[in-house]
Amino acid sequence: MLDVMVATVLGADQILRGARRSAGEGGPTGFAWGRLPADGSLPEVAFTSGLLSRSHRPVYVVPLAEAFWLAWSDGPPCTSVRAQVHRSDVPSIRLRAGRAS
């Protein structure tokens, strides 16, 4: 189990909870998950590769159980992920993607 998320007001501003990368063939190479902001909008999610690379690749974001979201991307293995919503009270969050076995 990578993470446990509970629908509660604690940590409600943590829109990005975790990220993993995979170097496997024929499947998604980046996963991220988190909480939906209070207004229920999906965050804007971006996966990046390398220290300076800002490569853009298609990212798929879906809501889960009206409180959470899951995102994935194909392409080169990602090294980090960023999630943001366009609200002043919720900061943009970036995480280094851990390697999935």
PDB file of N, CA and C in Angstrom:
ATOM      1  N   MET A   1       0.850  -1.167   0.000  1.00  0.00           N
ATOM      2  CA  MET A   1       0.000   0.000   0.000  1.00  0.00           C
ATOM      3  C   MET A   1       0.895   1.229   0.000  1.00  0.00           C
ATOM      4  N   LEU A   2       0.678   2.116  -0.937  1.00  0.00           N
ATOM      5  CA  LEU A   2       1.501   3.308  -1.059  1.00  0.00           C
ATOM      6  C   LEU A   2       1.037   4.442  -0.174  1.00  0.00           C
ATOM      7  N   ASP A   3      -0.241   4.612  -0.011  1.00  0.00           N
ATOM      8  CA  ASP A   3      -0.768   5.752   0.716  1.00  0.00           C
ATOM      9  C   ASP A   3      -2.194   5.436   1.127  1.00  0.00           C
ATOM     10  N   VAL A   4      -2.613   6.012   2.216  1.00  0.00           N
ATOM     11  CA  VAL A   4      -3.993   5.902   2.654  1.00  0.00           C
ATOM     12  C   VAL A   4      -4.553   7.310   2.695  1.00  0.00           C
ATOM     13  N   MET A   5      -5.667   7.517   2.002  1.00  0.00           N
ATOM     14  CA  MET A   5      -6.291   8.836   1.998  1.00  0.00           C
ATOM     15  C   MET A   5      -7.691   8.707   2.585  1.00  0.00           C
ATOM     16  N   VAL A   6      -8.020   9.633   3.453  1.00  0.00           N
ATOM     17  CA  VAL A   6      -9.296   9.624   4.133  1.00  0.00           C
ATOM     18  C   VAL A   6     -10.008  10.936   3.847  1.00  0.00           C
ATOM     19  N   ALA A   7     -11.295  10.881   3.615  1.00  0.00           N
ATOM     20  CA  ALA A   7     -12.078  12.093   3.375  1.00  0.00           C
ATOM     21  C   ALA A   7     -12.288  12.805   4.709  1.00  0.00           C
ATOM     22  N   THR A   8     -11.474  13.811   4.967  1.00  0.00           N
ATOM     23  CA  THR A   8     -11.540  14.587   6.195  1.00  0.00           C
ATOM     24  C   THR A   8     -11.046  15.991   5.915  1.00  0.00           C
ATOM     25  N   VAL A   9     -11.309  16.915   6.793  1.00  0.00           N
ATOM     26  CA  VAL A   9     -10.838  18.278   6.593  1.00  0.00           C
ATOM     27  C   VAL A   9      -9.367  18.425   6.934  1.00  0.00           C
ATOM     28  N   LEU A  10      -8.779  17.473   7.628  1.00  0.00           N
ATOM     29  CA  LEU A  10      -7.358  17.544   7.944  1.00  0.00           C
ATOM     30  C   LEU A  10      -6.535  17.439   6.675  1.00  0.00           C
ATOM     31  N   GLY A  11      -5.627  18.357   6.471  1.00  0.00           N
ATOM     32  CA  GLY A  11      -4.775  18.330   5.291  1.00  0.00           C
ATOM     33  C   GLY A  11      -5.516  18.575   3.996  1.00  0.00           C
ATOM     34  N   ALA A  12      -6.613  19.296   4.059  1.00  0.00           N
ATOM     35  CA  ALA A  12      -7.435  19.513   2.863  1.00  0.00           C
ATOM     36  C   ALA A  12      -6.692  20.286   1.781  1.00  0.00           C
ATOM     37  N   ASP A  13      -5.622  21.008   2.145  1.00  0.00           N
ATOM     38  CA  ASP A  13      -4.868  21.757   1.152  1.00  0.00           C
ATOM     39  C   ASP A  13      -3.784  20.911   0.488  1.00  0.00           C
ATOM     40  N   GLN A  14      -3.675  19.643   0.829  1.00  0.00           N
ATOM     41  CA  GLN A  14      -2.678  18.758   0.233  1.00  0.00           C
ATOM     42  C   GLN A  14      -3.252  18.116  -1.018  1.00  0.00           C
ATOM     43  N   ILE A  15      -3.240  18.886  -2.102  1.00  0.00           N
ATOM     44  CA  ILE A  15      -3.843  18.350  -3.322  1.00  0.00           C
ATOM     45  C   ILE A  15      -3.003  17.248  -3.947  1.00  0.00           C
ATOM     46  N   LEU A  16      -1.693  17.215  -3.697  1.00  0.00           N
ATOM     47  CA  LEU A  16      -0.821  16.162  -4.216  1.00  0.00           C
ATOM     48  C   LEU A  16      -0.306  15.347  -3.044  1.00  0.00           C
ATOM     49  N   ARG A  17      -0.650  14.052  -3.011  1.00  0.00           N
ATOM     50  CA  ARG A  17      -0.266  13.200  -1.894  1.00  0.00           C
ATOM     51  C   ARG A  17       0.889  12.256  -2.218  1.00  0.00           C
ATOM     52  N   GLY A  18       1.031  11.864  -3.476  1.00  0.00           N
ATOM     53  CA  GLY A  18       2.092  10.929  -3.801  1.00  0.00           C
ATOM     54  C   GLY A  18       2.304  10.795  -5.297  1.00  0.00           C
ATOM     55  N   ALA A  19       3.470  10.239  -5.665  1.00  0.00           N
ATOM     56  CA  ALA A  19       3.807  10.037  -7.075  1.00  0.00           C
ATOM     57  C   ALA A  19       4.763   8.866  -7.194  1.00  0.00           C
ATOM     58  N   ARG A  20       4.624   8.119  -8.255  1.00  0.00           N
ATOM     59  CA  ARG A  20       5.515   6.988  -8.545  1.00  0.00           C
ATOM     60  C   ARG A  20       5.845   6.995 -10.026  1.00  0.00           C
ATOM     61  N   ARG A  21       7.025   6.452 -10.349  1.00  0.00           N
ATOM     62  CA  ARG A  21       7.423   6.325 -11.749  1.00  0.00           C
ATOM     63  C   ARG A  21       7.739   4.870 -12.032  1.00  0.00           C
ATOM     64  N   SER A  22       7.640   4.493 -13.297  1.00  0.00           N
ATOM     65  CA  SER A  22       7.916   3.137 -13.731  1.00  0.00           C
ATOM     66  C   SER A  22       8.669   3.193 -15.049  1.00  0.00           C
ATOM     67  N   ALA A  23       9.607   2.296 -15.230  1.00  0.00           N
ATOM     68  CA  ALA A  23      10.359   2.234 -16.479  1.00  0.00           C
ATOM     69  C   ALA A  23       9.881   1.071 -17.332  1.00  0.00           C
ATOM     70  N   GLY A  24       8.739   0.497 -16.979  1.00  0.00           N
ATOM     71  CA  GLY A  24       8.219  -0.658 -17.696  1.00  0.00           C
ATOM     72  C   GLY A  24       7.829  -0.355 -19.125  1.00  0.00           C
ATOM     73  N   GLU A  25       7.834  -1.375 -19.948  1.00  0.00           N
ATOM     74  CA  GLU A  25       7.450  -1.246 -21.348  1.00  0.00           C
ATOM     75  C   GLU A  25       5.935  -1.389 -21.489  1.00  0.00           C
ATOM     76  N   GLY A  26       5.362  -0.569 -22.366  1.00  0.00           N
ATOM     77  CA  GLY A  26       3.973  -0.739 -22.734  1.00  0.00           C
ATOM     78  C   GLY A  26       2.936  -0.289 -21.721  1.00  0.00           C
ATOM     79  N   GLY A  27       3.287   0.552 -20.793  1.00  0.00           N
ATOM     80  CA  GLY A  27       2.309   1.020 -19.819  1.00  0.00           C
ATOM     81  C   GLY A  27       2.625   2.425 -19.360  1.00  0.00           C
ATOM     82  N   PRO A  28       1.793   2.985 -18.505  1.00  0.00           N
ATOM     83  CA  PRO A  28       2.057   4.332 -17.993  1.00  0.00           C
ATOM     84  C   PRO A  28       3.401   4.390 -17.273  1.00  0.00           C
ATOM     85  N   THR A  29       4.075   5.512 -17.388  1.00  0.00           N
ATOM     86  CA  THR A  29       5.382   5.656 -16.742  1.00  0.00           C
ATOM     87  C   THR A  29       5.353   6.628 -15.574  1.00  0.00           C
ATOM     88  N   GLY A  30       4.227   7.270 -15.326  1.00  0.00           N
ATOM     89  CA  GLY A  30       4.097   8.140 -14.167  1.00  0.00           C
ATOM     90  C   GLY A  30       2.700   8.071 -13.597  1.00  0.00           C
ATOM     91  N   PHE A  31       2.599   8.000 -12.266  1.00  0.00           N
ATOM     92  CA  PHE A  31       1.330   8.016 -11.557  1.00  0.00           C
ATOM     93  C   PHE A  31       1.396   9.064 -10.462  1.00  0.00           C
ATOM     94  N   ALA A  32       0.304   9.745 -10.205  1.00  0.00           N
ATOM     95  CA  ALA A  32       0.216  10.681  -9.089  1.00  0.00           C
ATOM     96  C   ALA A  32      -1.203  10.629  -8.547  1.00  0.00           C
ATOM     97  N   TRP A  33      -1.364  10.979  -7.272  1.00  0.00           N
ATOM     98  CA  TRP A  33      -2.678  10.964  -6.663  1.00  0.00           C
ATOM     99  C   TRP A  33      -2.756  12.030  -5.577  1.00  0.00           C
ATOM    100  N   GLY A  34      -3.979  12.399  -5.253  1.00  0.00           N
ATOM    101  CA  GLY A  34      -4.167  13.411  -4.226  1.00  0.00           C
ATOM    102  C   GLY A  34      -5.629  13.670  -3.942  1.00  0.00           C
ATOM    103  N   ARG A  35      -5.864  14.785  -3.238  1.00  0.00           N
ATOM    104  CA  ARG A  35      -7.206  15.196  -2.833  1.00  0.00           C
ATOM    105  C   ARG A  35      -7.713  16.291  -3.759  1.00  0.00           C
ATOM    106  N   LEU A  36      -8.988  16.279  -4.028  1.00  0.00           N
ATOM    107  CA  LEU A  36      -9.592  17.371  -4.777  1.00  0.00           C
ATOM    108  C   LEU A  36      -9.689  18.601  -3.874  1.00  0.00           C
ATOM    109  N   PRO A  37      -9.520  19.798  -4.421  1.00  0.00           N
ATOM    110  CA  PRO A  37      -9.743  20.999  -3.611  1.00  0.00           C
ATOM    111  C   PRO A  37     -11.224  21.094  -3.210  1.00  0.00           C
ATOM    112  N   ALA A  38     -11.518  21.988  -2.285  1.00  0.00           N
ATOM    113  CA  ALA A  38     -12.877  22.120  -1.742  1.00  0.00           C
ATOM    114  C   ALA A  38     -13.934  22.336  -2.819  1.00  0.00           C
ATOM    115  N   ASP A  39     -13.573  23.015  -3.911  1.00  0.00           N
ATOM    116  CA  ASP A  39     -14.568  23.263  -4.967  1.00  0.00           C
ATOM    117  C   ASP A  39     -14.758  22.066  -5.900  1.00  0.00           C
ATOM    118  N   GLY A  40     -13.995  20.992  -5.705  1.00  0.00           N
ATOM    119  CA  GLY A  40     -14.148  19.772  -6.493  1.00  0.00           C
ATOM    120  C   GLY A  40     -13.509  19.791  -7.859  1.00  0.00           C
ATOM    121  N   SER A  41     -12.784  20.870  -8.198  1.00  0.00           N
ATOM    122  CA  SER A  41     -12.157  20.945  -9.519  1.00  0.00           C
ATOM    123  C   SER A  41     -10.926  20.054  -9.586  1.00  0.00           C
ATOM    124  N   LEU A  42     -10.664  19.527 -10.774  1.00  0.00           N
ATOM    125  CA  LEU A  42      -9.470  18.704 -10.971  1.00  0.00           C
ATOM    126  C   LEU A  42      -8.234  19.590 -11.034  1.00  0.00           C
ATOM    127  N   PRO A  43      -7.130  19.160 -10.431  1.00  0.00           N
ATOM    128  CA  PRO A  43      -5.905  19.954 -10.518  1.00  0.00           C
ATOM    129  C   PRO A  43      -5.269  19.827 -11.896  1.00  0.00           C
ATOM    130  N   GLU A  44      -4.423  20.768 -12.211  1.00  0.00           N
ATOM    131  CA  GLU A  44      -3.591  20.698 -13.409  1.00  0.00           C
ATOM    132  C   GLU A  44      -2.333  19.928 -12.991  1.00  0.00           C
ATOM    133  N   VAL A  45      -2.043  18.827 -13.673  1.00  0.00           N
ATOM    134  CA  VAL A  45      -0.939  17.946 -13.295  1.00  0.00           C
ATOM    135  C   VAL A  45       0.069  17.899 -14.434  1.00  0.00           C
ATOM    136  N   ALA A  46       1.368  17.975 -14.085  1.00  0.00           N
ATOM    137  CA  ALA A  46       2.438  17.883 -15.084  1.00  0.00           C
ATOM    138  C   ALA A  46       3.524  16.949 -14.570  1.00  0.00           C
ATOM    139  N   PHE A  47       3.963  16.040 -15.423  1.00  0.00           N
ATOM    140  CA  PHE A  47       5.083  15.149 -15.120  1.00  0.00           C
ATOM    141  C   PHE A  47       6.316  15.671 -15.843  1.00  0.00           C
ATOM    142  N   THR A  48       7.473  15.660 -15.199  1.00  0.00           N
ATOM    143  CA  THR A  48       8.703  16.127 -15.825  1.00  0.00           C
ATOM    144  C   THR A  48       9.780  15.048 -15.734  1.00  0.00           C
ATOM    145  N   SER A  49      10.746  15.135 -16.633  1.00  0.00           N
ATOM    146  CA  SER A  49      11.880  14.203 -16.666  1.00  0.00           C
ATOM    147  C   SER A  49      13.168  14.994 -16.567  1.00  0.00           C
ATOM    148  N   GLY A  50      14.102  14.526 -15.792  1.00  0.00           N
ATOM    149  CA  GLY A  50      15.398  15.197 -15.668  1.00  0.00           C
ATOM    150  C   GLY A  50      15.327  16.460 -14.838  1.00  0.00           C
ATOM    151  N   LEU A  51      16.481  17.046 -14.561  1.00  0.00           N
ATOM    152  CA  LEU A  51      16.543  18.237 -13.725  1.00  0.00           C
ATOM    153  C   LEU A  51      16.030  19.487 -14.423  1.00  0.00           C
ATOM    154  N   LEU A  52      16.377  19.667 -15.682  1.00  0.00           N
ATOM    155  CA  LEU A  52      16.011  20.892 -16.388  1.00  0.00           C
ATOM    156  C   LEU A  52      14.918  20.696 -17.423  1.00  0.00           C
ATOM    157  N   SER A  53      14.560  19.465 -17.683  1.00  0.00           N
ATOM    158  CA  SER A  53      13.586  19.176 -18.736  1.00  0.00           C
ATOM    159  C   SER A  53      12.182  19.591 -18.310  1.00  0.00           C
ATOM    160  N   ARG A  54      11.505  20.238 -19.173  1.00  0.00           N
ATOM    161  CA  ARG A  54      10.120  20.617 -18.949  1.00  0.00           C
ATOM    162  C   ARG A  54       9.266  20.049 -20.072  1.00  0.00           C
ATOM    163  N   SER A  55       9.546  18.804 -20.424  1.00  0.00           N
ATOM    164  CA  SER A  55       8.824  18.184 -21.528  1.00  0.00           C
ATOM    165  C   SER A  55       7.339  18.088 -21.197  1.00  0.00           C
ATOM    166  N   HIS A  56       6.525  18.348 -22.206  1.00  0.00           N
ATOM    167  CA  HIS A  56       5.082  18.262 -22.035  1.00  0.00           C
ATOM    168  C   HIS A  56       4.605  16.974 -22.673  1.00  0.00           C
ATOM    169  N   ARG A  57       3.824  16.239 -21.954  1.00  0.00           N
ATOM    170  CA  ARG A  57       3.249  15.000 -22.464  1.00  0.00           C
ATOM    171  C   ARG A  57       1.800  14.926 -22.012  1.00  0.00           C
ATOM    172  N   PRO A  58       0.985  14.159 -22.699  1.00  0.00           N
ATOM    173  CA  PRO A  58      -0.415  14.052 -22.284  1.00  0.00           C
ATOM    174  C   PRO A  58      -0.532  13.480 -20.874  1.00  0.00           C
ATOM    175  N   VAL A  59      -1.360  14.089 -20.075  1.00  0.00           N
ATOM    176  CA  VAL A  59      -1.614  13.634 -18.710  1.00  0.00           C
ATOM    177  C   VAL A  59      -3.112  13.397 -18.585  1.00  0.00           C
ATOM    178  N   TYR A  60      -3.469  12.271 -18.026  1.00  0.00           N
ATOM    179  CA  TYR A  60      -4.868  11.914 -17.827  1.00  0.00           C
ATOM    180  C   TYR A  60      -5.175  12.049 -16.339  1.00  0.00           C
ATOM    181  N   VAL A  61      -6.182  12.841 -15.997  1.00  0.00           N
ATOM    182  CA  VAL A  61      -6.572  13.066 -14.604  1.00  0.00           C
ATOM    183  C   VAL A  61      -8.042  12.701 -14.458  1.00  0.00           C
ATOM    184  N   VAL A  62      -8.352  11.836 -13.487  1.00  0.00           N
ATOM    185  CA  VAL A  62      -9.739  11.429 -13.259  1.00  0.00           C
ATOM    186  C   VAL A  62     -10.087  11.607 -11.782  1.00  0.00           C
ATOM    187  N   PRO A  63     -11.336  12.004 -11.501  1.00  0.00           N
ATOM    188  CA  PRO A  63     -11.777  12.095 -10.111  1.00  0.00           C
ATOM    189  C   PRO A  63     -12.115  10.708  -9.568  1.00  0.00           C
ATOM    190  N   LEU A  64     -11.949  10.539  -8.262  1.00  0.00           N
ATOM    191  CA  LEU A  64     -12.288   9.277  -7.597  1.00  0.00           C
ATOM    192  C   LEU A  64     -13.111   9.586  -6.355  1.00  0.00           C
ATOM    193  N   ALA A  65     -14.244   8.944  -6.205  1.00  0.00           N
ATOM    194  CA  ALA A  65     -15.079   9.029  -5.001  1.00  0.00           C
ATOM    195  C   ALA A  65     -15.396  10.465  -4.583  1.00  0.00           C
ATOM    196  N   GLU A  66     -15.475  11.378  -5.521  1.00  0.00           N
ATOM    197  CA  GLU A  66     -15.856  12.772  -5.281  1.00  0.00           C
ATOM    198  C   GLU A  66     -14.952  13.516  -4.302  1.00  0.00           C
ATOM    199  N   ALA A  67     -13.808  12.943  -3.932  1.00  0.00           N
ATOM    200  CA  ALA A  67     -12.911  13.618  -2.990  1.00  0.00           C
ATOM    201  C   ALA A  67     -11.442  13.513  -3.397  1.00  0.00           C
ATOM    202  N   PHE A  68     -11.119  12.603  -4.300  1.00  0.00           N
ATOM    203  CA  PHE A  68      -9.726  12.335  -4.659  1.00  0.00           C
ATOM    204  C   PHE A  68      -9.549  12.365  -6.171  1.00  0.00           C
ATOM    205  N   TRP A  69      -8.302  12.305  -6.625  1.00  0.00           N
ATOM    206  CA  TRP A  69      -8.013  12.231  -8.049  1.00  0.00           C
ATOM    207  C   TRP A  69      -6.815  11.318  -8.277  1.00  0.00           C
ATOM    208  N   LEU A  70      -6.707  10.795  -9.493  1.00  0.00           N
ATOM    209  CA  LEU A  70      -5.596   9.959  -9.932  1.00  0.00           C
ATOM    210  C   LEU A  70      -5.159  10.468 -11.296  1.00  0.00           C
ATOM    211  N   ALA A  71      -3.845  10.577 -11.512  1.00  0.00           N
ATOM    212  CA  ALA A  71      -3.306  11.022 -12.799  1.00  0.00           C
ATOM    213  C   ALA A  71      -2.240  10.044 -13.266  1.00  0.00           C
ATOM    214  N   TRP A  72      -2.108   9.888 -14.586  1.00  0.00           N
ATOM    215  CA  TRP A  72      -1.050   9.060 -15.140  1.00  0.00           C
ATOM    216  C   TRP A  72      -0.626   9.639 -16.477  1.00  0.00           C
ATOM    217  N   SER A  73       0.562   9.209 -16.900  1.00  0.00           N
ATOM    218  CA  SER A  73       1.115   9.696 -18.153  1.00  0.00           C
ATOM    219  C   SER A  73       1.986   8.617 -18.780  1.00  0.00           C
ATOM    220  N   ASP A  74       2.022   8.610 -20.104  1.00  0.00           N
ATOM    221  CA  ASP A  74       2.914   7.726 -20.849  1.00  0.00           C
ATOM    222  C   ASP A  74       4.114   8.543 -21.313  1.00  0.00           C
ATOM    223  N   GLY A  75       5.152   7.875 -21.743  1.00  0.00           N
ATOM    224  CA  GLY A  75       6.325   8.568 -22.240  1.00  0.00           C
ATOM    225  C   GLY A  75       7.548   8.170 -21.442  1.00  0.00           C
ATOM    226  N   PRO A  76       8.606   8.975 -21.522  1.00  0.00           N
ATOM    227  CA  PRO A  76       9.808   8.654 -20.751  1.00  0.00           C
ATOM    228  C   PRO A  76       9.484   8.644 -19.260  1.00  0.00           C
ATOM    229  N   PRO A  77      10.182   7.826 -18.481  1.00  0.00           N
ATOM    230  CA  PRO A  77       9.938   7.814 -17.031  1.00  0.00           C
ATOM    231  C   PRO A  77      10.082   9.223 -16.448  1.00  0.00           C
ATOM    232  N   CYS A  78       9.159   9.600 -15.594  1.00  0.00           N
ATOM    233  CA  CYS A  78       9.194  10.938 -15.004  1.00  0.00           C
ATOM    234  C   CYS A  78      10.078  10.937 -13.760  1.00  0.00           C
ATOM    235  N   THR A  79      10.580  12.102 -13.401  1.00  0.00           N
ATOM    236  CA  THR A  79      11.351  12.231 -12.167  1.00  0.00           C
ATOM    237  C   THR A  79      10.592  13.027 -11.115  1.00  0.00           C
ATOM    238  N   SER A  80       9.657  13.878 -11.554  1.00  0.00           N
ATOM    239  CA  SER A  80       8.857  14.628 -10.590  1.00  0.00           C
ATOM    240  C   SER A  80       7.487  14.930 -11.181  1.00  0.00           C
ATOM    241  N   VAL A  81       6.597  15.364 -10.309  1.00  0.00           N
ATOM    242  CA  VAL A  81       5.241  15.722 -10.721  1.00  0.00           C
ATOM    243  C   VAL A  81       4.847  17.004  -9.996  1.00  0.00           C
ATOM    244  N   ARG A  82       4.070  17.833 -10.685  1.00  0.00           N
ATOM    245  CA  ARG A  82       3.566  19.080 -10.099  1.00  0.00           C
ATOM    246  C   ARG A  82       2.055  19.097 -10.245  1.00  0.00           C
ATOM    247  N   ALA A  83       1.372  19.513  -9.184  1.00  0.00           N
ATOM    248  CA  ALA A  83      -0.080  19.662  -9.224  1.00  0.00           C
ATOM    249  C   ALA A  83      -0.432  21.053  -8.739  1.00  0.00           C
ATOM    250  N   GLN A  84      -1.367  21.681  -9.439  1.00  0.00           N
ATOM    251  CA  GLN A  84      -1.796  23.011  -9.019  1.00  0.00           C
ATOM    252  C   GLN A  84      -3.246  23.236  -9.395  1.00  0.00           C
ATOM    253  N   VAL A  85      -3.878  24.098  -8.635  1.00  0.00           N
ATOM    254  CA  VAL A  85      -5.205  24.594  -8.964  1.00  0.00           C
ATOM    255  C   VAL A  85      -5.074  26.104  -9.040  1.00  0.00           C
ATOM    256  N   HIS A  86      -5.972  26.728  -9.719  1.00  0.00           N
ATOM    257  CA  HIS A  86      -5.871  28.178  -9.906  1.00  0.00           C
ATOM    258  C   HIS A  86      -6.666  28.914  -8.834  1.00  0.00           C
ATOM    259  N   ARG A  87      -6.186  28.762  -7.595  1.00  0.00           N
ATOM    260  CA  ARG A  87      -6.773  29.453  -6.451  1.00  0.00           C
ATOM    261  C   ARG A  87      -5.639  29.952  -5.580  1.00  0.00           C
ATOM    262  N   SER A  88      -5.791  31.132  -5.023  1.00  0.00           N
ATOM    263  CA  SER A  88      -4.717  31.726  -4.224  1.00  0.00           C
ATOM    264  C   SER A  88      -4.515  31.030  -2.881  1.00  0.00           C
ATOM    265  N   ASP A  89      -5.525  30.332  -2.349  1.00  0.00           N
ATOM    266  CA  ASP A  89      -5.392  29.698  -1.044  1.00  0.00           C
ATOM    267  C   ASP A  89      -4.841  28.271  -1.117  1.00  0.00           C
ATOM    268  N   VAL A  90      -4.593  27.742  -2.320  1.00  0.00           N
ATOM    269  CA  VAL A  90      -4.039  26.392  -2.473  1.00  0.00           C
ATOM    270  C   VAL A  90      -2.738  26.496  -3.252  1.00  0.00           C
ATOM    271  N   PRO A  91      -1.594  26.213  -2.603  1.00  0.00           N
ATOM    272  CA  PRO A  91      -0.314  26.355  -3.281  1.00  0.00           C
ATOM    273  C   PRO A  91      -0.059  25.240  -4.298  1.00  0.00           C
ATOM    274  N   SER A  92       0.759  25.536  -5.299  1.00  0.00           N
ATOM    275  CA  SER A  92       1.237  24.527  -6.236  1.00  0.00           C
ATOM    276  C   SER A  92       2.186  23.601  -5.462  1.00  0.00           C
ATOM    277  N   ILE A  93       2.128  22.317  -5.732  1.00  0.00           N
ATOM    278  CA  ILE A  93       2.951  21.347  -5.010  1.00  0.00           C
ATOM    279  C   ILE A  93       3.735  20.519  -6.011  1.00  0.00           C
ATOM    280  N   ARG A  94       5.021  20.294  -5.723  1.00  0.00           N
ATOM    281  CA  ARG A  94       5.866  19.443  -6.560  1.00  0.00           C
ATOM    282  C   ARG A  94       6.461  18.339  -5.686  1.00  0.00           C
ATOM    283  N   LEU A  95       6.444  17.110  -6.215  1.00  0.00           N
ATOM    284  CA  LEU A  95       7.033  15.960  -5.524  1.00  0.00           C
ATOM    285  C   LEU A  95       7.965  15.220  -6.460  1.00  0.00           C
ATOM    286  N   ARG A  96       9.006  14.671  -5.898  1.00  0.00           N
ATOM    287  CA  ARG A  96       9.864  13.753  -6.642  1.00  0.00           C
ATOM    288  C   ARG A  96       9.143  12.414  -6.698  1.00  0.00           C
ATOM    289  N   ALA A  97       9.098  11.819  -7.856  1.00  0.00           N
ATOM    290  CA  ALA A  97       8.389  10.545  -8.045  1.00  0.00           C
ATOM    291  C   ALA A  97       9.263   9.393  -7.588  1.00  0.00           C
ATOM    292  N   GLY A  98       8.785   8.612  -6.642  1.00  0.00           N
ATOM    293  CA  GLY A  98       9.506   7.421  -6.196  1.00  0.00           C
ATOM    294  C   GLY A  98       9.377   6.314  -7.218  1.00  0.00           C
ATOM    295  N   ARG A  99      10.317   5.408  -7.224  1.00  0.00           N
ATOM    296  CA  ARG A  99      10.310   4.326  -8.206  1.00  0.00           C
ATOM    297  C   ARG A  99       9.359   3.211  -7.771  1.00  0.00           C
ATOM    298  N   ALA A 100       8.487   2.801  -8.672  1.00  0.00           N
ATOM    299  CA  ALA A 100       7.573   1.686  -8.428  1.00  0.00           C
ATOM    300  C   ALA A 100       8.248   0.401  -8.877  1.00  0.00           C
ATOM    301  N   SER A 101       8.145  -0.625  -8.090  1.00  0.00           N
ATOM    302  CA  SER A 101       8.782  -1.904  -8.437  1.00  0.00           C
ATOM    303  C   SER A 101       7.917  -2.710  -9.356  1.00  0.00           C
TER     304      SER A 101
END
